[in-house]
Amino acid sequence: MKKYNNKPSIQQHLFELLDRQQRSIVARNLWPLKAEAQEILCHSLISFLEHAEVFVPQNVVLSLIFSALTGVDIMDEKYDPRSREGISPNSDFDQARK
């Protein structure tokens, strides 16, 4: 992960929001992707975590990875972030593990 102008990369920003186990899972899914695809997926995941906004990537593979990581049913038009399992927006990850 590269830093440009001393700013953290999009991947670093995402990883700051995750605990160690979540980082491992996300990293395994990001690693095989090209840089542009990683950036798209990271932006979607950050929007989801920070703002509970669901911006499903338009790429089918990326949308499936997004769905698998978040537990969001990408076919469900009525999304409630509290109604599923996976990484959660605006939540205390330590609290979620109890």
PDB file of N, CA and C in Angstrom:
ATOM      1  N   MET A   1       0.835  -1.173   0.000  1.00  0.00           N
ATOM      2  CA  MET A   1       0.000   0.000   0.000  1.00  0.00           C
ATOM      3  C   MET A   1       0.883   1.241   0.000  1.00  0.00           C
ATOM      4  N   LYS A   2       0.629   2.128  -0.917  1.00  0.00           N
ATOM      5  CA  LYS A   2       1.462   3.305  -1.076  1.00  0.00           C
ATOM      6  C   LYS A   2       0.799   4.519  -0.441  1.00  0.00           C
ATOM      7  N   LYS A   3       1.662   5.426   0.005  1.00  0.00           N
ATOM      8  CA  LYS A   3       1.173   6.710   0.478  1.00  0.00           C
ATOM      9  C   LYS A   3       1.545   7.766  -0.551  1.00  0.00           C
ATOM     10  N   TYR A   4       0.618   8.630  -0.863  1.00  0.00           N
ATOM     11  CA  TYR A   4       0.880   9.728  -1.763  1.00  0.00           C
ATOM     12  C   TYR A   4       0.692  11.016  -0.979  1.00  0.00           C
ATOM     13  N   ASN A   5       1.684  11.894  -1.063  1.00  0.00           N
ATOM     14  CA  ASN A   5       1.620  13.174  -0.345  1.00  0.00           C
ATOM     15  C   ASN A   5       1.383  12.969   1.145  1.00  0.00           C
ATOM     16  N   ASN A   6       1.989  11.933   1.713  1.00  0.00           N
ATOM     17  CA  ASN A   6       1.839  11.604   3.137  1.00  0.00           C
ATOM     18  C   ASN A   6       0.416  11.314   3.563  1.00  0.00           C
ATOM     19  N   LYS A   7      -0.452  11.050   2.606  1.00  0.00           N
ATOM     20  CA  LYS A   7      -1.827  10.669   2.921  1.00  0.00           C
ATOM     21  C   LYS A   7      -1.912   9.144   2.878  1.00  0.00           C
ATOM     22  N   PRO A   8      -2.657   8.549   3.799  1.00  0.00           N
ATOM     23  CA  PRO A   8      -2.797   7.092   3.740  1.00  0.00           C
ATOM     24  C   PRO A   8      -3.553   6.666   2.491  1.00  0.00           C
ATOM     25  N   SER A   9      -3.221   5.491   2.002  1.00  0.00           N
ATOM     26  CA  SER A   9      -3.929   4.967   0.842  1.00  0.00           C
ATOM     27  C   SER A   9      -5.357   4.614   1.235  1.00  0.00           C
ATOM     28  N   ILE A  10      -6.179   4.387   0.249  1.00  0.00           N
ATOM     29  CA  ILE A  10      -7.575   4.013   0.501  1.00  0.00           C
ATOM     30  C   ILE A  10      -7.637   2.693   1.261  1.00  0.00           C
ATOM     31  N   GLN A  11      -6.705   1.776   0.965  1.00  0.00           N
ATOM     32  CA  GLN A  11      -6.665   0.505   1.672  1.00  0.00           C
ATOM     33  C   GLN A  11      -6.320   0.721   3.148  1.00  0.00           C
ATOM     34  N   GLN A  12      -5.347   1.595   3.421  1.00  0.00           N
ATOM     35  CA  GLN A  12      -4.981   1.893   4.805  1.00  0.00           C
ATOM     36  C   GLN A  12      -6.150   2.516   5.555  1.00  0.00           C
ATOM     37  N   HIS A  13      -6.861   3.417   4.894  1.00  0.00           N
ATOM     38  CA  HIS A  13      -8.039   4.036   5.513  1.00  0.00           C
ATOM     39  C   HIS A  13      -9.047   2.961   5.894  1.00  0.00           C
ATOM     40  N   LEU A  14      -9.327   2.043   4.971  1.00  0.00           N
ATOM     41  CA  LEU A  14     -10.267   0.961   5.257  1.00  0.00           C
ATOM     42  C   LEU A  14      -9.769   0.111   6.417  1.00  0.00           C
ATOM     43  N   PHE A  15      -8.511  -0.260   6.408  1.00  0.00           N
ATOM     44  CA  PHE A  15      -7.982  -1.149   7.436  1.00  0.00           C
ATOM     45  C   PHE A  15      -7.988  -0.499   8.818  1.00  0.00           C
ATOM     46  N   GLU A  16      -7.925   0.834   8.884  1.00  0.00           N
ATOM     47  CA  GLU A  16      -8.032   1.533  10.175  1.00  0.00           C
ATOM     48  C   GLU A  16      -9.412   1.351  10.798  1.00  0.00           C
ATOM     49  N   LEU A  17     -10.414   1.060   9.991  1.00  0.00           N
ATOM     50  CA  LEU A  17     -11.787   0.888  10.467  1.00  0.00           C
ATOM     51  C   LEU A  17     -12.087  -0.540  10.926  1.00  0.00           C
ATOM     52  N   LEU A  18     -11.174  -1.463  10.656  1.00  0.00           N
ATOM     53  CA  LEU A  18     -11.419  -2.878  10.908  1.00  0.00           C
ATOM     54  C   LEU A  18     -10.550  -3.413  12.034  1.00  0.00           C
ATOM     55  N   ASP A  19     -11.017  -4.480  12.678  1.00  0.00           N
ATOM     56  CA  ASP A  19     -10.166  -5.154  13.665  1.00  0.00           C
ATOM     57  C   ASP A  19      -9.256  -6.139  12.940  1.00  0.00           C
ATOM     58  N   ARG A  20      -8.373  -6.804  13.669  1.00  0.00           N
ATOM     59  CA  ARG A  20      -7.362  -7.674  13.061  1.00  0.00           C
ATOM     60  C   ARG A  20      -7.977  -8.802  12.232  1.00  0.00           C
ATOM     61  N   GLN A  21      -8.989  -9.454  12.761  1.00  0.00           N
ATOM     62  CA  GLN A  21      -9.623 -10.558  12.042  1.00  0.00           C
ATOM     63  C   GLN A  21     -10.296 -10.062  10.761  1.00  0.00           C
ATOM     64  N   GLN A  22     -10.979  -8.945  10.858  1.00  0.00           N
ATOM     65  CA  GLN A  22     -11.645  -8.374   9.685  1.00  0.00           C
ATOM     66  C   GLN A  22     -10.633  -7.956   8.629  1.00  0.00           C
ATOM     67  N   ARG A  23      -9.498  -7.386   9.072  1.00  0.00           N
ATOM     68  CA  ARG A  23      -8.441  -7.015   8.124  1.00  0.00           C
ATOM     69  C   ARG A  23      -7.966  -8.223   7.340  1.00  0.00           C
ATOM     70  N   SER A  24      -7.782  -9.327   8.034  1.00  0.00           N
ATOM     71  CA  SER A  24      -7.313 -10.549   7.386  1.00  0.00           C
ATOM     72  C   SER A  24      -8.290 -11.010   6.308  1.00  0.00           C
ATOM     73  N   ILE A  25      -9.564 -10.993   6.631  1.00  0.00           N
ATOM     74  CA  ILE A  25     -10.590 -11.427   5.676  1.00  0.00           C
ATOM     75  C   ILE A  25     -10.647 -10.485   4.484  1.00  0.00           C
ATOM     76  N   VAL A  26     -10.645  -9.182   4.752  1.00  0.00           N
ATOM     77  CA  VAL A  26     -10.719  -8.200   3.671  1.00  0.00           C
ATOM     78  C   VAL A  26      -9.456  -8.274   2.807  1.00  0.00           C
ATOM     79  N   ALA A  27      -8.301  -8.417   3.435  1.00  0.00           N
ATOM     80  CA  ALA A  27      -7.040  -8.481   2.681  1.00  0.00           C
ATOM     81  C   ALA A  27      -7.025  -9.657   1.715  1.00  0.00           C
ATOM     82  N   ARG A  28      -7.520 -10.800   2.170  1.00  0.00           N
ATOM     83  CA  ARG A  28      -7.565 -11.974   1.284  1.00  0.00           C
ATOM     84  C   ARG A  28      -8.437 -11.723   0.057  1.00  0.00           C
ATOM     85  N   ASN A  29      -9.445 -10.894   0.202  1.00  0.00           N
ATOM     86  CA  ASN A  29     -10.339 -10.592  -0.925  1.00  0.00           C
ATOM     87  C   ASN A  29      -9.810  -9.466  -1.796  1.00  0.00           C
ATOM     88  N   LEU A  30      -9.028  -8.556  -1.216  1.00  0.00           N
ATOM     89  CA  LEU A  30      -8.461  -7.454  -1.995  1.00  0.00           C
ATOM     90  C   LEU A  30      -7.231  -7.883  -2.781  1.00  0.00           C
ATOM     91  N   TRP A  31      -6.421  -8.735  -2.193  1.00  0.00           N
ATOM     92  CA  TRP A  31      -5.119  -9.074  -2.762  1.00  0.00           C
ATOM     93  C   TRP A  31      -5.175  -9.486  -4.228  1.00  0.00           C
ATOM     94  N   PRO A  32      -6.092 -10.367  -4.654  1.00  0.00           N
ATOM     95  CA  PRO A  32      -6.069 -10.787  -6.061  1.00  0.00           C
ATOM     96  C   PRO A  32      -6.583  -9.730  -7.044  1.00  0.00           C
ATOM     97  N   LEU A  33      -7.162  -8.655  -6.545  1.00  0.00           N
ATOM     98  CA  LEU A  33      -7.752  -7.639  -7.424  1.00  0.00           C
ATOM     99  C   LEU A  33      -6.705  -6.648  -7.911  1.00  0.00           C
ATOM    100  N   LYS A  34      -6.919  -6.104  -9.097  1.00  0.00           N
ATOM    101  CA  LYS A  34      -6.061  -5.035  -9.611  1.00  0.00           C
ATOM    102  C   LYS A  34      -6.323  -3.765  -8.805  1.00  0.00           C
ATOM    103  N   ALA A  35      -5.379  -2.832  -8.871  1.00  0.00           N
ATOM    104  CA  ALA A  35      -5.435  -1.609  -8.062  1.00  0.00           C
ATOM    105  C   ALA A  35      -6.745  -0.850  -8.231  1.00  0.00           C
ATOM    106  N   GLU A  36      -7.223  -0.703  -9.450  1.00  0.00           N
ATOM    107  CA  GLU A  36      -8.464   0.043  -9.686  1.00  0.00           C
ATOM    108  C   GLU A  36      -9.654  -0.653  -9.023  1.00  0.00           C
ATOM    109  N   ALA A  37      -9.714  -1.964  -9.130  1.00  0.00           N
ATOM    110  CA  ALA A  37     -10.805  -2.721  -8.507  1.00  0.00           C
ATOM    111  C   ALA A  37     -10.716  -2.633  -6.988  1.00  0.00           C
ATOM    112  N   GLN A  38      -9.501  -2.689  -6.434  1.00  0.00           N
ATOM    113  CA  GLN A  38      -9.325  -2.539  -4.990  1.00  0.00           C
ATOM    114  C   GLN A  38      -9.859  -1.189  -4.519  1.00  0.00           C
ATOM    115  N   GLU A  39      -9.552  -0.154  -5.274  1.00  0.00           N
ATOM    116  CA  GLU A  39      -9.984   1.190  -4.905  1.00  0.00           C
ATOM    117  C   GLU A  39     -11.511   1.301  -4.910  1.00  0.00           C
ATOM    118  N   ILE A  40     -12.145   0.755  -5.920  1.00  0.00           N
ATOM    119  CA  ILE A  40     -13.606   0.792  -6.010  1.00  0.00           C
ATOM    120  C   ILE A  40     -14.228   0.067  -4.818  1.00  0.00           C
ATOM    121  N   LEU A  41     -13.738  -1.130  -4.540  1.00  0.00           N
ATOM    122  CA  LEU A  41     -14.277  -1.914  -3.430  1.00  0.00           C
ATOM    123  C   LEU A  41     -14.022  -1.226  -2.095  1.00  0.00           C
ATOM    124  N   CYS A  42     -12.827  -0.683  -1.919  1.00  0.00           N
ATOM    125  CA  CYS A  42     -12.503   0.021  -0.668  1.00  0.00           C
ATOM    126  C   CYS A  42     -13.426   1.211  -0.452  1.00  0.00           C
ATOM    127  N   HIS A  43     -13.663   1.998  -1.500  1.00  0.00           N
ATOM    128  CA  HIS A  43     -14.580   3.144  -1.371  1.00  0.00           C
ATOM    129  C   HIS A  43     -15.974   2.686  -0.952  1.00  0.00           C
ATOM    130  N   SER A  44     -16.458   1.616  -1.550  1.00  0.00           N
ATOM    131  CA  SER A  44     -17.784   1.104  -1.189  1.00  0.00           C
ATOM    132  C   SER A  44     -17.822   0.641   0.264  1.00  0.00           C
ATOM    133  N   LEU A  45     -16.780  -0.059   0.698  1.00  0.00           N
ATOM    134  CA  LEU A  45     -16.740  -0.562   2.073  1.00  0.00           C
ATOM    135  C   LEU A  45     -16.608   0.573   3.083  1.00  0.00           C
ATOM    136  N   ILE A  46     -15.809   1.583   2.763  1.00  0.00           N
ATOM    137  CA  ILE A  46     -15.658   2.730   3.668  1.00  0.00           C
ATOM    138  C   ILE A  46     -16.973   3.492   3.787  1.00  0.00           C
ATOM    139  N   SER A  47     -17.660   3.728   2.687  1.00  0.00           N
ATOM    140  CA  SER A  47     -18.967   4.404   2.745  1.00  0.00           C
ATOM    141  C   SER A  47     -19.943   3.615   3.597  1.00  0.00           C
ATOM    142  N   PHE A  48     -19.893   2.304   3.459  1.00  0.00           N
ATOM    143  CA  PHE A  48     -20.763   1.436   4.241  1.00  0.00           C
ATOM    144  C   PHE A  48     -20.435   1.524   5.734  1.00  0.00           C
ATOM    145  N   LEU A  49     -19.161   1.453   6.073  1.00  0.00           N
ATOM    146  CA  LEU A  49     -18.746   1.453   7.481  1.00  0.00           C
ATOM    147  C   LEU A  49     -18.926   2.811   8.154  1.00  0.00           C
ATOM    148  N   GLU A  50     -18.565   3.877   7.456  1.00  0.00           N
ATOM    149  CA  GLU A  50     -18.595   5.204   8.064  1.00  0.00           C
ATOM    150  C   GLU A  50     -19.974   5.855   8.036  1.00  0.00           C
ATOM    151  N   HIS A  51     -20.746   5.574   6.998  1.00  0.00           N
ATOM    152  CA  HIS A  51     -22.002   6.305   6.815  1.00  0.00           C
ATOM    153  C   HIS A  51     -23.234   5.413   6.657  1.00  0.00           C
ATOM    154  N   ALA A  52     -23.034   4.101   6.731  1.00  0.00           N
ATOM    155  CA  ALA A  52     -24.115   3.126   6.541  1.00  0.00           C
ATOM    156  C   ALA A  52     -24.786   3.316   5.179  1.00  0.00           C
ATOM    157  N   GLU A  53     -23.998   3.770   4.199  1.00  0.00           N
ATOM    158  CA  GLU A  53     -24.499   3.935   2.838  1.00  0.00           C
ATOM    159  C   GLU A  53     -24.071   2.728   2.019  1.00  0.00           C
ATOM    160  N   VAL A  54     -24.997   2.208   1.258  1.00  0.00           N
ATOM    161  CA  VAL A  54     -24.695   1.050   0.427  1.00  0.00           C
ATOM    162  C   VAL A  54     -24.566   1.501  -1.019  1.00  0.00           C
ATOM    163  N   PHE A  55     -23.318   1.530  -1.486  1.00  0.00           N
ATOM    164  CA  PHE A  55     -23.014   1.800  -2.888  1.00  0.00           C
ATOM    165  C   PHE A  55     -22.410   0.520  -3.441  1.00  0.00           C
ATOM    166  N   VAL A  56     -23.259  -0.339  -3.955  1.00  0.00           N
ATOM    167  CA  VAL A  56     -22.792  -1.612  -4.480  1.00  0.00           C
ATOM    168  C   VAL A  56     -22.030  -1.351  -5.773  1.00  0.00           C
ATOM    169  N   PRO A  57     -20.791  -1.844  -5.871  1.00  0.00           N
ATOM    170  CA  PRO A  57     -20.030  -1.650  -7.105  1.00  0.00           C
ATOM    171  C   PRO A  57     -20.782  -2.207  -8.314  1.00  0.00           C
ATOM    172  N   GLN A  58     -20.620  -1.567  -9.452  1.00  0.00           N
ATOM    173  CA  GLN A  58     -21.318  -1.980 -10.669  1.00  0.00           C
ATOM    174  C   GLN A  58     -20.736  -3.261 -11.262  1.00  0.00           C
ATOM    175  N   ASN A  59     -19.483  -3.546 -10.956  1.00  0.00           N
ATOM    176  CA  ASN A  59     -18.841  -4.772 -11.427  1.00  0.00           C
ATOM    177  C   ASN A  59     -19.425  -5.955 -10.665  1.00  0.00           C
ATOM    178  N   VAL A  60     -19.819  -6.996 -11.367  1.00  0.00           N
ATOM    179  CA  VAL A  60     -20.477  -8.150 -10.742  1.00  0.00           C
ATOM    180  C   VAL A  60     -19.579  -8.811  -9.705  1.00  0.00           C
ATOM    181  N   VAL A  61     -18.313  -9.013 -10.039  1.00  0.00           N
ATOM    182  CA  VAL A  61     -17.392  -9.662  -9.095  1.00  0.00           C
ATOM    183  C   VAL A  61     -17.237  -8.805  -7.842  1.00  0.00           C
ATOM    184  N   LEU A  62     -17.038  -7.500  -8.017  1.00  0.00           N
ATOM    185  CA  LEU A  62     -16.883  -6.611  -6.870  1.00  0.00           C
ATOM    186  C   LEU A  62     -18.154  -6.536  -6.038  1.00  0.00           C
ATOM    187  N   SER A  63     -19.308  -6.549  -6.685  1.00  0.00           N
ATOM    188  CA  SER A  63     -20.566  -6.502  -5.934  1.00  0.00           C
ATOM    189  C   SER A  63     -20.752  -7.780  -5.112  1.00  0.00           C
ATOM    190  N   LEU A  64     -20.344  -8.916  -5.663  1.00  0.00           N
ATOM    191  CA  LEU A  64     -20.440 -10.172  -4.899  1.00  0.00           C
ATOM    192  C   LEU A  64     -19.474 -10.186  -3.722  1.00  0.00           C
ATOM    193  N   ILE A  65     -18.267  -9.662  -3.917  1.00  0.00           N
ATOM    194  CA  ILE A  65     -17.313  -9.571  -2.806  1.00  0.00           C
ATOM    195  C   ILE A  65     -17.859  -8.629  -1.743  1.00  0.00           C
ATOM    196  N   PHE A  66     -18.393  -7.484  -2.167  1.00  0.00           N
ATOM    197  CA  PHE A  66     -18.996  -6.531  -1.232  1.00  0.00           C
ATOM    198  C   PHE A  66     -20.098  -7.207  -0.427  1.00  0.00           C
ATOM    199  N   SER A  67     -20.951  -7.942  -1.096  1.00  0.00           N
ATOM    200  CA  SER A  67     -22.049  -8.645  -0.430  1.00  0.00           C
ATOM    201  C   SER A  67     -21.527  -9.680   0.561  1.00  0.00           C
ATOM    202  N   ALA A  68     -20.517 -10.433   0.156  1.00  0.00           N
ATOM    203  CA  ALA A  68     -19.958 -11.458   1.033  1.00  0.00           C
ATOM    204  C   ALA A  68     -19.299 -10.844   2.278  1.00  0.00           C
ATOM    205  N   LEU A  69     -18.622  -9.721   2.110  1.00  0.00           N
ATOM    206  CA  LEU A  69     -17.931  -9.092   3.240  1.00  0.00           C
ATOM    207  C   LEU A  69     -18.887  -8.386   4.196  1.00  0.00           C
ATOM    208  N   THR A  70     -19.956  -7.833   3.676  1.00  0.00           N
ATOM    209  CA  THR A  70     -20.859  -7.036   4.515  1.00  0.00           C
ATOM    210  C   THR A  70     -22.113  -7.781   4.941  1.00  0.00           C
ATOM    211  N   GLY A  71     -22.472  -8.817   4.210  1.00  0.00           N
ATOM    212  CA  GLY A  71     -23.718  -9.512   4.495  1.00  0.00           C
ATOM    213  C   GLY A  71     -24.920  -8.828   3.888  1.00  0.00           C
ATOM    214  N   VAL A  72     -24.693  -7.793   3.087  1.00  0.00           N
ATOM    215  CA  VAL A  72     -25.776  -7.064   2.432  1.00  0.00           C
ATOM    216  C   VAL A  72     -26.289  -7.895   1.265  1.00  0.00           C
ATOM    217  N   ASP A  73     -27.608  -8.083   1.238  1.00  0.00           N
ATOM    218  CA  ASP A  73     -28.231  -8.763   0.107  1.00  0.00           C
ATOM    219  C   ASP A  73     -28.342  -7.747  -1.017  1.00  0.00           C
ATOM    220  N   ILE A  74     -27.485  -7.883  -2.018  1.00  0.00           N
ATOM    221  CA  ILE A  74     -27.441  -6.882  -3.078  1.00  0.00           C
ATOM    222  C   ILE A  74     -28.694  -6.894  -3.950  1.00  0.00           C
ATOM    223  N   MET A  75     -29.520  -7.910  -3.803  1.00  0.00           N
ATOM    224  CA  MET A  75     -30.773  -7.980  -4.556  1.00  0.00           C
ATOM    225  C   MET A  75     -31.939  -7.382  -3.761  1.00  0.00           C
ATOM    226  N   ASP A  76     -31.718  -7.071  -2.472  1.00  0.00           N
ATOM    227  CA  ASP A  76     -32.766  -6.539  -1.608  1.00  0.00           C
ATOM    228  C   ASP A  76     -32.758  -5.021  -1.683  1.00  0.00           C
ATOM    229  N   GLU A  77     -33.834  -4.435  -2.165  1.00  0.00           N
ATOM    230  CA  GLU A  77     -33.897  -2.987  -2.296  1.00  0.00           C
ATOM    231  C   GLU A  77     -34.084  -2.278  -0.962  1.00  0.00           C
ATOM    232  N   LYS A  78     -34.676  -2.971   0.001  1.00  0.00           N
ATOM    233  CA  LYS A  78     -34.874  -2.372   1.322  1.00  0.00           C
ATOM    234  C   LYS A  78     -33.803  -2.918   2.244  1.00  0.00           C
ATOM    235  N   TYR A  79     -32.790  -2.113   2.487  1.00  0.00           N
ATOM    236  CA  TYR A  79     -31.632  -2.531   3.262  1.00  0.00           C
ATOM    237  C   TYR A  79     -31.683  -1.935   4.665  1.00  0.00           C
ATOM    238  N   ASP A  80     -31.532  -2.790   5.654  1.00  0.00           N
ATOM    239  CA  ASP A  80     -31.419  -2.347   7.040  1.00  0.00           C
ATOM    240  C   ASP A  80     -30.123  -2.931   7.593  1.00  0.00           C
ATOM    241  N   PRO A  81     -29.126  -2.090   7.905  1.00  0.00           N
ATOM    242  CA  PRO A  81     -27.825  -2.601   8.322  1.00  0.00           C
ATOM    243  C   PRO A  81     -27.864  -3.405   9.614  1.00  0.00           C
ATOM    244  N   ARG A  82     -28.907  -3.292  10.401  1.00  0.00           N
ATOM    245  CA  ARG A  82     -28.976  -4.030  11.663  1.00  0.00           C
ATOM    246  C   ARG A  82     -29.592  -5.415  11.489  1.00  0.00           C
ATOM    247  N   SER A  83     -30.013  -5.758  10.288  1.00  0.00           N
ATOM    248  CA  SER A  83     -30.760  -6.991  10.086  1.00  0.00           C
ATOM    249  C   SER A  83     -29.933  -8.139   9.517  1.00  0.00           C
ATOM    250  N   ARG A  84     -28.603  -8.023   9.536  1.00  0.00           N
ATOM    251  CA  ARG A  84     -27.785  -9.085   8.974  1.00  0.00           C
ATOM    252  C   ARG A  84     -26.444  -9.181   9.697  1.00  0.00           C
ATOM    253  N   GLU A  85     -25.676 -10.198   9.356  1.00  0.00           N
ATOM    254  CA  GLU A  85     -24.363 -10.377   9.945  1.00  0.00           C
ATOM    255  C   GLU A  85     -23.304  -9.915   8.957  1.00  0.00           C
ATOM    256  N   GLY A  86     -22.111  -9.652   9.448  1.00  0.00           N
ATOM    257  CA  GLY A  86     -21.007  -9.188   8.620  1.00  0.00           C
ATOM    258  C   GLY A  86     -20.402  -7.966   9.262  1.00  0.00           C
ATOM    259  N   ILE A  87     -19.552  -7.245   8.574  1.00  0.00           N
ATOM    260  CA  ILE A  87     -19.001  -6.032   9.147  1.00  0.00           C
ATOM    261  C   ILE A  87     -20.112  -5.004   9.202  1.00  0.00           C
ATOM    262  N   SER A  88     -20.128  -4.201  10.247  1.00  0.00           N
ATOM    263  CA  SER A  88     -21.258  -3.308  10.492  1.00  0.00           C
ATOM    264  C   SER A  88     -20.851  -1.845  10.421  1.00  0.00           C
ATOM    265  N   PRO A  89     -21.734  -0.994   9.935  1.00  0.00           N
ATOM    266  CA  PRO A  89     -21.441   0.430   9.888  1.00  0.00           C
ATOM    267  C   PRO A  89     -21.512   1.052  11.269  1.00  0.00           C
ATOM    268  N   ASN A  90     -20.596   1.981  11.524  1.00  0.00           N
ATOM    269  CA  ASN A  90     -20.617   2.786  12.746  1.00  0.00           C
ATOM    270  C   ASN A  90     -20.807   1.961  14.010  1.00  0.00           C
ATOM    271  N   SER A  91     -20.163   0.818  14.103  1.00  0.00           N
ATOM    272  CA  SER A  91     -20.316   0.019  15.310  1.00  0.00           C
ATOM    273  C   SER A  91     -18.981  -0.172  15.992  1.00  0.00           C
ATOM    274  N   ASP A  92     -19.032  -0.439  17.259  1.00  0.00           N
ATOM    275  CA  ASP A  92     -17.832  -0.730  18.029  1.00  0.00           C
ATOM    276  C   ASP A  92     -17.548  -2.219  17.841  1.00  0.00           C
ATOM    277  N   PHE A  93     -16.474  -2.556  17.123  1.00  0.00           N
ATOM    278  CA  PHE A  93     -16.211  -3.946  16.804  1.00  0.00           C
ATOM    279  C   PHE A  93     -15.933  -4.776  18.049  1.00  0.00           C
ATOM    280  N   ASP A  94     -15.326  -4.167  19.071  1.00  0.00           N
ATOM    281  CA  ASP A  94     -15.110  -4.905  20.316  1.00  0.00           C
ATOM    282  C   ASP A  94     -16.438  -5.266  20.964  1.00  0.00           C
ATOM    283  N   GLN A  95     -17.383  -4.364  20.921  1.00  0.00           N
ATOM    284  CA  GLN A  95     -18.714  -4.599  21.480  1.00  0.00           C
ATOM    285  C   GLN A  95     -19.419  -5.722  20.716  1.00  0.00           C
ATOM    286  N   ALA A  96     -19.248  -5.763  19.407  1.00  0.00           N
ATOM    287  CA  ALA A  96     -19.912  -6.754  18.566  1.00  0.00           C
ATOM    288  C   ALA A  96     -19.406  -8.157  18.836  1.00  0.00           C
ATOM    289  N   ARG A  97     -18.168  -8.271  19.351  1.00  0.00           N
ATOM    290  CA  ARG A  97     -17.599  -9.592  19.603  1.00  0.00           C
ATOM    291  C   ARG A  97     -18.066 -10.193  20.908  1.00  0.00           C
ATOM    292  N   LYS A  98     -18.717  -9.441  21.770  1.00  0.00           N
ATOM    293  CA  LYS A  98     -19.164  -9.947  23.074  1.00  0.00           C
ATOM    294  C   LYS A  98     -20.317 -10.906  22.933  1.00  0.00           C
TER     295      LYS A  98
END
